[in-house]
Amino acid sequence: MDSIAITYPQNSLADAIMMSKARIFIKANDFQKAADILKKVTEEFKDGIWTDDALFTLGDLYEKKLNDIALAKIYFQKLITDYPGSMFSAEARKRFRNLRGDGV
Protein backbone atom coordinates (compact mmCIF):
# COMPACT_ATOMS: atom_id res chain seq x y z
CA MET A 1 0.00 0.00 0.00
CA ASP A 2 2.88 2.33 0.67
CA SER A 3 4.12 1.84 -2.88
CA ILE A 4 0.77 3.00 -4.30
CA ALA A 5 0.93 6.19 -2.26
CA ILE A 6 4.54 6.79 -3.32
CA THR A 7 3.99 6.03 -7.01
CA TYR A 8 0.71 7.95 -7.21
CA PRO A 9 0.94 10.60 -4.47
CA GLN A 10 -2.25 12.51 -5.34
CA ASN A 11 -4.48 9.60 -6.28
CA SER A 12 -8.14 9.51 -5.34
CA LEU A 13 -7.70 6.34 -3.29
CA ALA A 14 -5.40 7.92 -0.70
CA ASP A 15 -8.04 7.91 2.05
CA ALA A 16 -9.07 4.33 1.27
CA ILE A 17 -5.42 3.25 1.42
CA MET A 18 -5.00 4.97 4.77
CA MET A 19 -8.12 3.26 6.13
CA SER A 20 -6.80 -0.12 4.98
CA LYS A 21 -3.47 0.54 6.66
CA ALA A 22 -5.24 1.54 9.88
CA ARG A 23 -7.23 -1.72 9.83
CA ILE A 24 -4.01 -3.68 9.36
CA PHE A 25 -2.48 -1.95 12.40
CA ILE A 26 -5.64 -2.67 14.42
CA LYS A 27 -5.43 -6.37 13.54
CA ALA A 28 -1.76 -6.30 14.56
CA ASN A 29 -2.76 -4.72 17.90
CA ASP A 30 -0.79 -1.56 17.12
CA PHE A 31 -3.61 0.72 18.16
CA GLN A 32 -1.61 3.93 18.46
CA LYS A 33 -0.30 3.69 14.88
CA ALA A 34 -3.84 2.99 13.70
CA ALA A 35 -5.11 6.02 15.61
CA ASP A 36 -2.40 8.23 14.10
CA ILE A 37 -3.42 7.18 10.57
CA LEU A 38 -7.12 7.62 11.31
CA LYS A 39 -6.48 11.13 12.63
CA LYS A 40 -4.78 11.98 9.34
CA VAL A 41 -7.83 10.74 7.45
CA THR A 42 -10.09 13.00 9.51
CA GLU A 43 -7.82 16.01 9.04
CA GLU A 44 -6.84 15.63 5.39
CA PHE A 45 -10.12 14.30 3.95
CA LYS A 46 -12.85 16.22 5.79
CA ASP A 47 -15.23 15.70 2.85
CA GLY A 48 -14.09 12.15 2.10
CA ILE A 49 -16.26 9.08 2.15
CA TRP A 50 -14.13 7.48 4.87
CA THR A 51 -14.07 10.36 7.35
CA ASP A 52 -17.10 9.32 9.39
CA ASP A 53 -15.79 5.75 9.50
CA ALA A 54 -12.41 7.04 10.70
CA LEU A 55 -14.05 9.14 13.44
CA PHE A 56 -16.13 6.22 14.66
CA THR A 57 -13.12 3.90 14.63
CA LEU A 58 -11.09 6.48 16.56
CA GLY A 59 -13.82 6.73 19.18
CA ASP A 60 -13.96 2.97 19.44
CA LEU A 61 -10.17 2.62 19.72
CA TYR A 62 -9.90 5.25 22.41
CA GLU A 63 -12.81 3.80 24.34
CA LYS A 64 -11.92 0.11 24.18
CA LYS A 65 -8.21 -0.22 23.42
CA LEU A 66 -6.38 2.97 24.36
CA ASN A 67 -8.45 3.66 27.50
CA ASP A 68 -8.87 7.38 26.93
CA ILE A 69 -12.55 8.09 27.52
CA ALA A 70 -12.12 11.86 27.05
CA LEU A 71 -10.75 11.41 23.52
CA ALA A 72 -13.35 8.75 22.72
CA LYS A 73 -16.09 11.24 23.61
CA ILE A 74 -14.47 13.93 21.46
CA TYR A 75 -14.39 11.70 18.38
CA PHE A 76 -17.92 10.37 18.88
CA GLN A 77 -19.22 13.92 19.39
CA LYS A 78 -17.42 15.19 16.28
CA LEU A 79 -19.03 12.40 14.26
CA ILE A 80 -22.48 13.22 15.64
CA THR A 81 -22.07 16.96 15.04
CA ASP A 82 -20.22 17.06 11.71
CA TYR A 83 -21.71 13.97 10.02
CA PRO A 84 -25.32 13.67 11.26
CA GLY A 85 -26.35 11.63 8.21
CA SER A 86 -23.67 9.00 8.75
CA MET A 87 -24.69 5.41 9.26
CA PHE A 88 -22.50 5.52 12.38
CA SER A 89 -24.36 8.46 13.98
CA ALA A 90 -26.91 6.49 15.98
CA GLU A 91 -24.31 4.15 17.47
CA ALA A 92 -21.91 7.05 18.12
CA ARG A 93 -24.70 8.95 19.91
CA LYS A 94 -25.51 5.92 22.06
CA ARG A 95 -21.85 5.34 22.94
CA PHE A 96 -21.24 9.05 23.61
CA ARG A 97 -24.18 9.22 26.02
CA ASN A 98 -23.01 6.06 27.75
CA LEU A 99 -19.48 7.45 28.16
CA ARG A 100 -20.87 10.75 29.41
CA GLY A 101 -22.88 8.85 32.00
CA ASP A 102 -26.37 9.42 30.65
CA GLY A 103 -27.03 5.72 30.19
CA VAL A 104 -28.59 4.28 27.08
PDB file of N, CA and C in Angstrom:
ATOM      1  N   MET A   1       0.815  -1.190   0.000  1.00  0.00           N
ATOM      2  CA  MET A   1       0.000   0.000   0.000  1.00  0.00           C
ATOM      3  C   MET A   1       0.860   1.255   0.000  1.00  0.00           C
ATOM      4  N   ASP A   2       1.983   1.172   0.665  1.00  0.00           N
ATOM      5  CA  ASP A   2       2.877   2.329   0.673  1.00  0.00           C
ATOM      6  C   ASP A   2       3.369   2.644  -0.731  1.00  0.00           C
ATOM      7  N   SER A   3       3.599   1.598  -1.527  1.00  0.00           N
ATOM      8  CA  SER A   3       4.117   1.836  -2.883  1.00  0.00           C
ATOM      9  C   SER A   3       3.090   2.557  -3.757  1.00  0.00           C
ATOM     10  N   ILE A   4       1.810   2.305  -3.538  1.00  0.00           N
ATOM     11  CA  ILE A   4       0.771   3.005  -4.304  1.00  0.00           C
ATOM     12  C   ILE A   4       0.809   4.494  -3.968  1.00  0.00           C
ATOM     13  N   ALA A   5       0.900   4.797  -2.682  1.00  0.00           N
ATOM     14  CA  ALA A   5       0.926   6.194  -2.257  1.00  0.00           C
ATOM     15  C   ALA A   5       2.183   6.909  -2.761  1.00  0.00           C
ATOM     16  N   ILE A   6       3.290   6.187  -2.839  1.00  0.00           N
ATOM     17  CA  ILE A   6       4.541   6.789  -3.321  1.00  0.00           C
ATOM     18  C   ILE A   6       4.497   6.973  -4.829  1.00  0.00           C
ATOM     19  N   THR A   7       4.039   5.964  -5.555  1.00  0.00           N
ATOM     20  CA  THR A   7       3.993   6.026  -7.011  1.00  0.00           C
ATOM     21  C   THR A   7       2.950   7.014  -7.505  1.00  0.00           C
ATOM     22  N   TYR A   8       1.812   7.054  -6.821  1.00  0.00           N
ATOM     23  CA  TYR A   8       0.707   7.949  -7.206  1.00  0.00           C
ATOM     24  C   TYR A   8       0.332   8.813  -6.012  1.00  0.00           C
ATOM     25  N   PRO A   9       1.137   9.841  -5.707  1.00  0.00           N
ATOM     26  CA  PRO A   9       0.945  10.599  -4.474  1.00  0.00           C
ATOM     27  C   PRO A   9      -0.380  11.344  -4.353  1.00  0.00           C
ATOM     28  N   GLN A  10      -1.000  11.753  -5.418  1.00  0.00           N
ATOM     29  CA  GLN A  10      -2.249  12.509  -5.340  1.00  0.00           C
ATOM     30  C   GLN A  10      -3.442  11.708  -5.865  1.00  0.00           C
ATOM     31  N   ASN A  11      -3.394  10.395  -5.730  1.00  0.00           N
ATOM     32  CA  ASN A  11      -4.485   9.596  -6.282  1.00  0.00           C
ATOM     33  C   ASN A  11      -5.734   9.690  -5.417  1.00  0.00           C
ATOM     34  N   SER A  12      -6.853   9.370  -6.026  1.00  0.00           N
ATOM     35  CA  SER A  12      -8.138   9.512  -5.337  1.00  0.00           C
ATOM     36  C   SER A  12      -8.396   8.403  -4.321  1.00  0.00           C
ATOM     37  N   LEU A  13      -7.519   7.433  -4.239  1.00  0.00           N
ATOM     38  CA  LEU A  13      -7.698   6.344  -3.287  1.00  0.00           C
ATOM     39  C   LEU A  13      -6.886   6.537  -2.012  1.00  0.00           C
ATOM     40  N   ALA A  14      -6.291   7.694  -1.845  1.00  0.00           N
ATOM     41  CA  ALA A  14      -5.403   7.917  -0.698  1.00  0.00           C
ATOM     42  C   ALA A  14      -6.104   7.655   0.631  1.00  0.00           C
ATOM     43  N   ASP A  15      -7.332   8.133   0.781  1.00  0.00           N
ATOM     44  CA  ASP A  15      -8.035   7.914   2.050  1.00  0.00           C
ATOM     45  C   ASP A  15      -8.396   6.441   2.248  1.00  0.00           C
ATOM     46  N   ALA A  16      -8.749   5.758   1.171  1.00  0.00           N
ATOM     47  CA  ALA A  16      -9.065   4.327   1.270  1.00  0.00           C
ATOM     48  C   ALA A  16      -7.818   3.525   1.647  1.00  0.00           C
ATOM     49  N   ILE A  17      -6.683   3.918   1.093  1.00  0.00           N
ATOM     50  CA  ILE A  17      -5.422   3.250   1.419  1.00  0.00           C
ATOM     51  C   ILE A  17      -5.091   3.464   2.894  1.00  0.00           C
ATOM     52  N   MET A  18      -5.275   4.687   3.359  1.00  0.00           N
ATOM     53  CA  MET A  18      -4.995   4.974   4.766  1.00  0.00           C
ATOM     54  C   MET A  18      -5.916   4.179   5.683  1.00  0.00           C
ATOM     55  N   MET A  19      -7.185   4.054   5.322  1.00  0.00           N
ATOM     56  CA  MET A  19      -8.116   3.263   6.133  1.00  0.00           C
ATOM     57  C   MET A  19      -7.695   1.796   6.166  1.00  0.00           C
ATOM     58  N   SER A  20      -7.262   1.277   5.028  1.00  0.00           N
ATOM     59  CA  SER A  20      -6.802  -0.116   4.977  1.00  0.00           C
ATOM     60  C   SER A  20      -5.575  -0.320   5.859  1.00  0.00           C
ATOM     61  N   LYS A  21      -4.656   0.637   5.815  1.00  0.00           N
ATOM     62  CA  LYS A  21      -3.468   0.544   6.664  1.00  0.00           C
ATOM     63  C   LYS A  21      -3.857   0.591   8.141  1.00  0.00           C
ATOM     64  N   ALA A  22      -4.799   1.453   8.495  1.00  0.00           N
ATOM     65  CA  ALA A  22      -5.242   1.537   9.884  1.00  0.00           C
ATOM     66  C   ALA A  22      -5.846   0.208  10.334  1.00  0.00           C
ATOM     67  N   ARG A  23      -6.633  -0.419   9.475  1.00  0.00           N
ATOM     68  CA  ARG A  23      -7.232  -1.718   9.826  1.00  0.00           C
ATOM     69  C   ARG A  23      -6.169  -2.782  10.026  1.00  0.00           C
ATOM     70  N   ILE A  24      -5.115  -2.726   9.209  1.00  0.00           N
ATOM     71  CA  ILE A  24      -4.005  -3.676   9.364  1.00  0.00           C
ATOM     72  C   ILE A  24      -3.338  -3.471  10.726  1.00  0.00           C
ATOM     73  N   PHE A  25      -3.093  -2.221  11.098  1.00  0.00           N
ATOM     74  CA  PHE A  25      -2.484  -1.954  12.400  1.00  0.00           C
ATOM     75  C   PHE A  25      -3.400  -2.387  13.539  1.00  0.00           C
ATOM     76  N   ILE A  26      -4.702  -2.223  13.386  1.00  0.00           N
ATOM     77  CA  ILE A  26      -5.637  -2.673  14.423  1.00  0.00           C
ATOM     78  C   ILE A  26      -5.552  -4.182  14.579  1.00  0.00           C
ATOM     79  N   LYS A  27      -5.527  -4.904  13.471  1.00  0.00           N
ATOM     80  CA  LYS A  27      -5.431  -6.366  13.542  1.00  0.00           C
ATOM     81  C   LYS A  27      -4.108  -6.814  14.162  1.00  0.00           C
ATOM     82  N   ALA A  28      -3.065  -5.990  13.983  1.00  0.00           N
ATOM     83  CA  ALA A  28      -1.759  -6.299  14.557  1.00  0.00           C
ATOM     84  C   ALA A  28      -1.628  -5.774  15.990  1.00  0.00           C
ATOM     85  N   ASN A  29      -2.724  -5.271  16.545  1.00  0.00           N
ATOM     86  CA  ASN A  29      -2.758  -4.715  17.904  1.00  0.00           C
ATOM     87  C   ASN A  29      -1.825  -3.520  18.097  1.00  0.00           C
ATOM     88  N   ASP A  30      -1.574  -2.792  17.027  1.00  0.00           N
ATOM     89  CA  ASP A  30      -0.792  -1.559  17.119  1.00  0.00           C
ATOM     90  C   ASP A  30      -1.782  -0.399  17.037  1.00  0.00           C
ATOM     91  N   PHE A  31      -2.487  -0.194  18.139  1.00  0.00           N
ATOM     92  CA  PHE A  31      -3.614   0.725  18.160  1.00  0.00           C
ATOM     93  C   PHE A  31      -3.201   2.189  18.027  1.00  0.00           C
ATOM     94  N   GLN A  32      -2.043   2.542  18.562  1.00  0.00           N
ATOM     95  CA  GLN A  32      -1.611   3.930  18.464  1.00  0.00           C
ATOM     96  C   GLN A  32      -1.269   4.304  17.027  1.00  0.00           C
ATOM     97  N   LYS A  33      -0.600   3.417  16.289  1.00  0.00           N
ATOM     98  CA  LYS A  33      -0.302   3.694  14.878  1.00  0.00           C
ATOM     99  C   LYS A  33      -1.592   3.798  14.082  1.00  0.00           C
ATOM    100  N   ALA A  34      -2.542   2.927  14.383  1.00  0.00           N
ATOM    101  CA  ALA A  34      -3.836   2.985  13.702  1.00  0.00           C
ATOM    102  C   ALA A  34      -4.511   4.318  13.989  1.00  0.00           C
ATOM    103  N   ALA A  35      -4.489   4.761  15.242  1.00  0.00           N
ATOM    104  CA  ALA A  35      -5.114   6.024  15.613  1.00  0.00           C
ATOM    105  C   ALA A  35      -4.442   7.195  14.898  1.00  0.00           C
ATOM    106  N   ASP A  36      -3.122   7.144  14.782  1.00  0.00           N
ATOM    107  CA  ASP A  36      -2.402   8.225  14.096  1.00  0.00           C
ATOM    108  C   ASP A  36      -2.830   8.326  12.630  1.00  0.00           C
ATOM    109  N   ILE A  37      -2.989   7.192  11.979  1.00  0.00           N
ATOM    110  CA  ILE A  37      -3.418   7.181  10.574  1.00  0.00           C
ATOM    111  C   ILE A  37      -4.863   7.672  10.461  1.00  0.00           C
ATOM    112  N   LEU A  38      -5.719   7.208  11.346  1.00  0.00           N
ATOM    113  CA  LEU A  38      -7.122   7.617  11.309  1.00  0.00           C
ATOM    114  C   LEU A  38      -7.273   9.117  11.538  1.00  0.00           C
ATOM    115  N   LYS A  39      -6.451   9.683  12.411  1.00  0.00           N
ATOM    116  CA  LYS A  39      -6.483  11.128  12.631  1.00  0.00           C
ATOM    117  C   LYS A  39      -6.136  11.873  11.347  1.00  0.00           C
ATOM    118  N   LYS A  40      -5.153  11.347  10.613  1.00  0.00           N
ATOM    119  CA  LYS A  40      -4.777  11.979   9.336  1.00  0.00           C
ATOM    120  C   LYS A  40      -5.949  11.947   8.358  1.00  0.00           C
ATOM    121  N   VAL A  41      -6.667  10.841   8.339  1.00  0.00           N
ATOM    122  CA  VAL A  41      -7.832  10.735   7.450  1.00  0.00           C
ATOM    123  C   VAL A  41      -8.840  11.825   7.803  1.00  0.00           C
ATOM    124  N   THR A  42      -9.095  12.009   9.102  1.00  0.00           N
ATOM    125  CA  THR A  42     -10.093  13.001   9.513  1.00  0.00           C
ATOM    126  C   THR A  42      -9.640  14.429   9.257  1.00  0.00           C
ATOM    127  N   GLU A  43      -8.346  14.660   9.259  1.00  0.00           N
ATOM    128  CA  GLU A  43      -7.816  16.009   9.038  1.00  0.00           C
ATOM    129  C   GLU A  43      -7.650  16.338   7.559  1.00  0.00           C
ATOM    130  N   GLU A  44      -7.182  15.373   6.788  1.00  0.00           N
ATOM    131  CA  GLU A  44      -6.838  15.626   5.389  1.00  0.00           C
ATOM    132  C   GLU A  44      -7.987  15.379   4.417  1.00  0.00           C
ATOM    133  N   PHE A  45      -9.002  14.659   4.847  1.00  0.00           N
ATOM    134  CA  PHE A  45     -10.115  14.301   3.953  1.00  0.00           C
ATOM    135  C   PHE A  45     -11.444  14.601   4.626  1.00  0.00           C
ATOM    136  N   LYS A  46     -11.633  15.834   5.053  1.00  0.00           N
ATOM    137  CA  LYS A  46     -12.849  16.218   5.785  1.00  0.00           C
ATOM    138  C   LYS A  46     -14.135  15.927   5.005  1.00  0.00           C
ATOM    139  N   ASP A  47     -14.061  15.972   3.681  1.00  0.00           N
ATOM    140  CA  ASP A  47     -15.231  15.697   2.846  1.00  0.00           C
ATOM    141  C   ASP A  47     -15.179  14.307   2.221  1.00  0.00           C
ATOM    142  N   GLY A  48     -14.262  13.479   2.679  1.00  0.00           N
ATOM    143  CA  GLY A  48     -14.092  12.151   2.098  1.00  0.00           C
ATOM    144  C   GLY A  48     -15.153  11.171   2.552  1.00  0.00           C
ATOM    145  N   ILE A  49     -15.251  10.089   1.822  1.00  0.00           N
ATOM    146  CA  ILE A  49     -16.261   9.083   2.155  1.00  0.00           C
ATOM    147  C   ILE A  49     -15.858   8.232   3.358  1.00  0.00           C
ATOM    148  N   TRP A  50     -14.604   8.288   3.757  1.00  0.00           N
ATOM    149  CA  TRP A  50     -14.127   7.475   4.875  1.00  0.00           C
ATOM    150  C   TRP A  50     -14.033   8.247   6.187  1.00  0.00           C
ATOM    151  N   THR A  51     -14.298   9.538   6.173  1.00  0.00           N
ATOM    152  CA  THR A  51     -14.067  10.364   7.352  1.00  0.00           C
ATOM    153  C   THR A  51     -14.948   9.964   8.531  1.00  0.00           C
ATOM    154  N   ASP A  52     -16.226   9.725   8.292  1.00  0.00           N
ATOM    155  CA  ASP A  52     -17.099   9.320   9.393  1.00  0.00           C
ATOM    156  C   ASP A  52     -16.690   7.967   9.954  1.00  0.00           C
ATOM    157  N   ASP A  53     -16.278   7.063   9.077  1.00  0.00           N
ATOM    158  CA  ASP A  53     -15.788   5.751   9.497  1.00  0.00           C
ATOM    159  C   ASP A  53     -14.541   5.918  10.366  1.00  0.00           C
ATOM    160  N   ALA A  54     -13.635   6.796   9.936  1.00  0.00           N
ATOM    161  CA  ALA A  54     -12.409   7.043  10.701  1.00  0.00           C
ATOM    162  C   ALA A  54     -12.726   7.615  12.078  1.00  0.00           C
ATOM    163  N   LEU A  55     -13.664   8.556  12.148  1.00  0.00           N
ATOM    164  CA  LEU A  55     -14.053   9.141  13.437  1.00  0.00           C
ATOM    165  C   LEU A  55     -14.642   8.089  14.367  1.00  0.00           C
ATOM    166  N   PHE A  56     -15.521   7.252  13.830  1.00  0.00           N
ATOM    167  CA  PHE A  56     -16.129   6.216  14.659  1.00  0.00           C
ATOM    168  C   PHE A  56     -15.067   5.232  15.152  1.00  0.00           C
ATOM    169  N   THR A  57     -14.172   4.842  14.261  1.00  0.00           N
ATOM    170  CA  THR A  57     -13.122   3.898  14.633  1.00  0.00           C
ATOM    171  C   THR A  57     -12.197   4.510  15.682  1.00  0.00           C
ATOM    172  N   LEU A  58     -11.898   5.796  15.542  1.00  0.00           N
ATOM    173  CA  LEU A  58     -11.092   6.477  16.563  1.00  0.00           C
ATOM    174  C   LEU A  58     -11.796   6.453  17.915  1.00  0.00           C
ATOM    175  N   GLY A  59     -13.074   6.778  17.929  1.00  0.00           N
ATOM    176  CA  GLY A  59     -13.823   6.735  19.179  1.00  0.00           C
ATOM    177  C   GLY A  59     -13.787   5.354  19.802  1.00  0.00           C
ATOM    178  N   ASP A  60     -13.972   4.348  18.976  1.00  0.00           N
ATOM    179  CA  ASP A  60     -13.962   2.971  19.439  1.00  0.00           C
ATOM    180  C   ASP A  60     -12.583   2.580  19.988  1.00  0.00           C
ATOM    181  N   LEU A  61     -11.530   2.935  19.261  1.00  0.00           N
ATOM    182  CA  LEU A  61     -10.172   2.617  19.717  1.00  0.00           C
ATOM    183  C   LEU A  61      -9.860   3.275  21.056  1.00  0.00           C
ATOM    184  N   TYR A  62     -10.197   4.559  21.164  1.00  0.00           N
ATOM    185  CA  TYR A  62      -9.898   5.250  22.414  1.00  0.00           C
ATOM    186  C   TYR A  62     -10.745   4.736  23.566  1.00  0.00           C
ATOM    187  N   GLU A  63     -11.964   4.329  23.272  1.00  0.00           N
ATOM    188  CA  GLU A  63     -12.815   3.797  24.335  1.00  0.00           C
ATOM    189  C   GLU A  63     -12.355   2.414  24.786  1.00  0.00           C
ATOM    190  N   LYS A  64     -12.119   1.518  23.840  1.00  0.00           N
ATOM    191  CA  LYS A  64     -11.922   0.109  24.178  1.00  0.00           C
ATOM    192  C   LYS A  64     -10.472  -0.350  24.241  1.00  0.00           C
ATOM    193  N   LYS A  65      -9.587   0.282  23.486  1.00  0.00           N
ATOM    194  CA  LYS A  65      -8.212  -0.220  23.416  1.00  0.00           C
ATOM    195  C   LYS A  65      -7.187   0.712  24.041  1.00  0.00           C
ATOM    196  N   LEU A  66      -7.370   2.016  23.869  1.00  0.00           N
ATOM    197  CA  LEU A  66      -6.378   2.974  24.361  1.00  0.00           C
ATOM    198  C   LEU A  66      -6.781   3.599  25.692  1.00  0.00           C
ATOM    199  N   ASN A  67      -7.970   3.249  26.177  1.00  0.00           N
ATOM    200  CA  ASN A  67      -8.453   3.659  27.498  1.00  0.00           C
ATOM    201  C   ASN A  67      -8.348   5.161  27.744  1.00  0.00           C
ATOM    202  N   ASP A  68      -8.829   5.924  26.775  1.00  0.00           N
ATOM    203  CA  ASP A  68      -8.869   7.379  26.928  1.00  0.00           C
ATOM    204  C   ASP A  68     -10.311   7.819  26.629  1.00  0.00           C
ATOM    205  N   ILE A  69     -11.121   7.805  27.652  1.00  0.00           N
ATOM    206  CA  ILE A  69     -12.549   8.092  27.517  1.00  0.00           C
ATOM    207  C   ILE A  69     -12.779   9.513  27.016  1.00  0.00           C
ATOM    208  N   ALA A  70     -11.959  10.457  27.479  1.00  0.00           N
ATOM    209  CA  ALA A  70     -12.121  11.856  27.047  1.00  0.00           C
ATOM    210  C   ALA A  70     -11.961  11.986  25.534  1.00  0.00           C
ATOM    211  N   LEU A  71     -10.942  11.348  24.974  1.00  0.00           N
ATOM    212  CA  LEU A  71     -10.754  11.414  23.518  1.00  0.00           C
ATOM    213  C   LEU A  71     -11.841  10.639  22.785  1.00  0.00           C
ATOM    214  N   ALA A  72     -12.264   9.517  23.345  1.00  0.00           N
ATOM    215  CA  ALA A  72     -13.348   8.755  22.720  1.00  0.00           C
ATOM    216  C   ALA A  72     -14.585   9.632  22.590  1.00  0.00           C
ATOM    217  N   LYS A  73     -14.926  10.355  23.654  1.00  0.00           N
ATOM    218  CA  LYS A  73     -16.089  11.240  23.615  1.00  0.00           C
ATOM    219  C   LYS A  73     -15.918  12.336  22.569  1.00  0.00           C
ATOM    220  N   ILE A  74     -14.719  12.883  22.451  1.00  0.00           N
ATOM    221  CA  ILE A  74     -14.468  13.934  21.457  1.00  0.00           C
ATOM    222  C   ILE A  74     -14.727  13.422  20.047  1.00  0.00           C
ATOM    223  N   TYR A  75     -14.216  12.228  19.732  1.00  0.00           N
ATOM    224  CA  TYR A  75     -14.394  11.701  18.377  1.00  0.00           C
ATOM    225  C   TYR A  75     -15.843  11.290  18.098  1.00  0.00           C
ATOM    226  N   PHE A  76     -16.507  10.699  19.081  1.00  0.00           N
ATOM    227  CA  PHE A  76     -17.921  10.370  18.878  1.00  0.00           C
ATOM    228  C   PHE A  76     -18.745  11.647  18.690  1.00  0.00           C
ATOM    229  N   GLN A  77     -18.467  12.670  19.495  1.00  0.00           N
ATOM    230  CA  GLN A  77     -19.218  13.917  19.390  1.00  0.00           C
ATOM    231  C   GLN A  77     -18.971  14.604  18.044  1.00  0.00           C
ATOM    232  N   LYS A  78     -17.733  14.583  17.574  1.00  0.00           N
ATOM    233  CA  LYS A  78     -17.418  15.186  16.276  1.00  0.00           C
ATOM    234  C   LYS A  78     -18.179  14.471  15.163  1.00  0.00           C
ATOM    235  N   LEU A  79     -18.266  13.165  15.243  1.00  0.00           N
ATOM    236  CA  LEU A  79     -19.027  12.397  14.257  1.00  0.00           C
ATOM    237  C   LEU A  79     -20.501  12.793  14.296  1.00  0.00           C
ATOM    238  N   ILE A  80     -21.064  12.867  15.484  1.00  0.00           N
ATOM    239  CA  ILE A  80     -22.478  13.222  15.640  1.00  0.00           C
ATOM    240  C   ILE A  80     -22.748  14.625  15.098  1.00  0.00           C
ATOM    241  N   THR A  81     -21.879  15.553  15.412  1.00  0.00           N
ATOM    242  CA  THR A  81     -22.069  16.955  15.044  1.00  0.00           C
ATOM    243  C   THR A  81     -21.799  17.227  13.563  1.00  0.00           C
ATOM    244  N   ASP A  82     -20.664  16.728  13.067  1.00  0.00           N
ATOM    245  CA  ASP A  82     -20.222  17.058  11.709  1.00  0.00           C
ATOM    246  C   ASP A  82     -20.793  16.150  10.627  1.00  0.00           C
ATOM    247  N   TYR A  83     -21.212  14.942  11.006  1.00  0.00           N
ATOM    248  CA  TYR A  83     -21.709  13.973  10.017  1.00  0.00           C
ATOM    249  C   TYR A  83     -23.024  13.354  10.499  1.00  0.00           C
ATOM    250  N   PRO A  84     -24.064  14.173  10.687  1.00  0.00           N
ATOM    251  CA  PRO A  84     -25.319  13.666  11.255  1.00  0.00           C
ATOM    252  C   PRO A  84     -26.007  12.616  10.377  1.00  0.00           C
ATOM    253  N   GLY A  85     -25.727  12.602   9.100  1.00  0.00           N
ATOM    254  CA  GLY A  85     -26.347  11.625   8.211  1.00  0.00           C
ATOM    255  C   GLY A  85     -25.578  10.322   8.092  1.00  0.00           C
ATOM    256  N   SER A  86     -24.498  10.197   8.814  1.00  0.00           N
ATOM    257  CA  SER A  86     -23.667   8.999   8.753  1.00  0.00           C
ATOM    258  C   SER A  86     -24.404   7.790   9.299  1.00  0.00           C
ATOM    259  N   MET A  87     -24.094   6.636   8.745  1.00  0.00           N
ATOM    260  CA  MET A  87     -24.693   5.409   9.256  1.00  0.00           C
ATOM    261  C   MET A  87     -24.153   5.061  10.644  1.00  0.00           C
ATOM    262  N   PHE A  88     -23.076   5.734  11.065  1.00  0.00           N
ATOM    263  CA  PHE A  88     -22.497   5.517  12.384  1.00  0.00           C
ATOM    264  C   PHE A  88     -23.076   6.444  13.445  1.00  0.00           C
ATOM    265  N   SER A  89     -23.873   7.429  13.049  1.00  0.00           N
ATOM    266  CA  SER A  89     -24.357   8.459  13.979  1.00  0.00           C
ATOM    267  C   SER A  89     -25.151   7.905  15.151  1.00  0.00           C
ATOM    268  N   ALA A  90     -26.071   7.017  14.896  1.00  0.00           N
ATOM    269  CA  ALA A  90     -26.912   6.494  15.975  1.00  0.00           C
ATOM    270  C   ALA A  90     -26.076   5.744  17.009  1.00  0.00           C
ATOM    271  N   GLU A  91     -25.169   4.900  16.543  1.00  0.00           N
ATOM    272  CA  GLU A  91     -24.308   4.153  17.472  1.00  0.00           C
ATOM    273  C   GLU A  91     -23.357   5.094  18.197  1.00  0.00           C
ATOM    274  N   ALA A  92     -22.817   6.081  17.491  1.00  0.00           N
ATOM    275  CA  ALA A  92     -21.914   7.054  18.121  1.00  0.00           C
ATOM    276  C   ALA A  92     -22.658   7.831  19.208  1.00  0.00           C
ATOM    277  N   ARG A  93     -23.892   8.218  18.927  1.00  0.00           N
ATOM    278  CA  ARG A  93     -24.702   8.949  19.913  1.00  0.00           C
ATOM    279  C   ARG A  93     -24.938   8.091  21.152  1.00  0.00           C
ATOM    280  N   LYS A  94     -25.270   6.839  20.952  1.00  0.00           N
ATOM    281  CA  LYS A  94     -25.507   5.920  22.060  1.00  0.00           C
ATOM    282  C   LYS A  94     -24.235   5.751  22.898  1.00  0.00           C
ATOM    283  N   ARG A  95     -23.116   5.556  22.233  1.00  0.00           N
ATOM    284  CA  ARG A  95     -21.853   5.344  22.945  1.00  0.00           C
ATOM    285  C   ARG A  95     -21.399   6.620  23.650  1.00  0.00           C
ATOM    286  N   PHE A  96     -21.604   7.774  22.999  1.00  0.00           N
ATOM    287  CA  PHE A  96     -21.236   9.050  23.613  1.00  0.00           C
ATOM    288  C   PHE A  96     -22.025   9.262  24.896  1.00  0.00           C
ATOM    289  N   ARG A  97     -23.327   9.037  24.830  1.00  0.00           N
ATOM    290  CA  ARG A  97     -24.175   9.215  26.020  1.00  0.00           C
ATOM    291  C   ARG A  97     -23.769   8.255  27.143  1.00  0.00           C
ATOM    292  N   ASN A  98     -23.438   7.038  26.767  1.00  0.00           N
ATOM    293  CA  ASN A  98     -23.006   6.061  27.751  1.00  0.00           C
ATOM    294  C   ASN A  98     -21.689   6.495  28.416  1.00  0.00           C
ATOM    295  N   LEU A  99     -20.760   6.990  27.609  1.00  0.00           N
ATOM    296  CA  LEU A  99     -19.475   7.452  28.160  1.00  0.00           C
ATOM    297  C   LEU A  99     -19.659   8.697  29.036  1.00  0.00           C
ATOM    298  N   ARG A 100     -20.602   9.524  28.665  1.00  0.00           N
ATOM    299  CA  ARG A 100     -20.874  10.749  29.407  1.00  0.00           C
ATOM    300  C   ARG A 100     -21.592  10.437  30.721  1.00  0.00           C
ATOM    301  N   GLY A 101     -22.202   9.249  30.773  1.00  0.00           N
ATOM    302  CA  GLY A 101     -22.877   8.847  32.001  1.00  0.00           C
ATOM    303  C   GLY A 101     -24.375   8.983  31.962  1.00  0.00           C
ATOM    304  N   ASP A 102     -24.925   9.266  30.785  1.00  0.00           N
ATOM    305  CA  ASP A 102     -26.370   9.420  30.650  1.00  0.00           C
ATOM    306  C   ASP A 102     -27.100   8.086  30.623  1.00  0.00           C
ATOM    307  N   GLY A 103     -26.386   7.013  30.387  1.00  0.00           N
ATOM    308  CA  GLY A 103     -27.026   5.720  30.189  1.00  0.00           C
ATOM    309  C   GLY A 103     -27.464   5.575  28.756  1.00  0.00           C
ATOM    310  N   VAL A 104     -28.189   4.549  28.468  1.00  0.00           N
ATOM    311  CA  VAL A 104     -28.594   4.277  27.078  1.00  0.00           C
ATOM    312  C   VAL A 104     -29.902   4.858  26.753  1.00  0.00           C
TER     313      VAL A 104
END
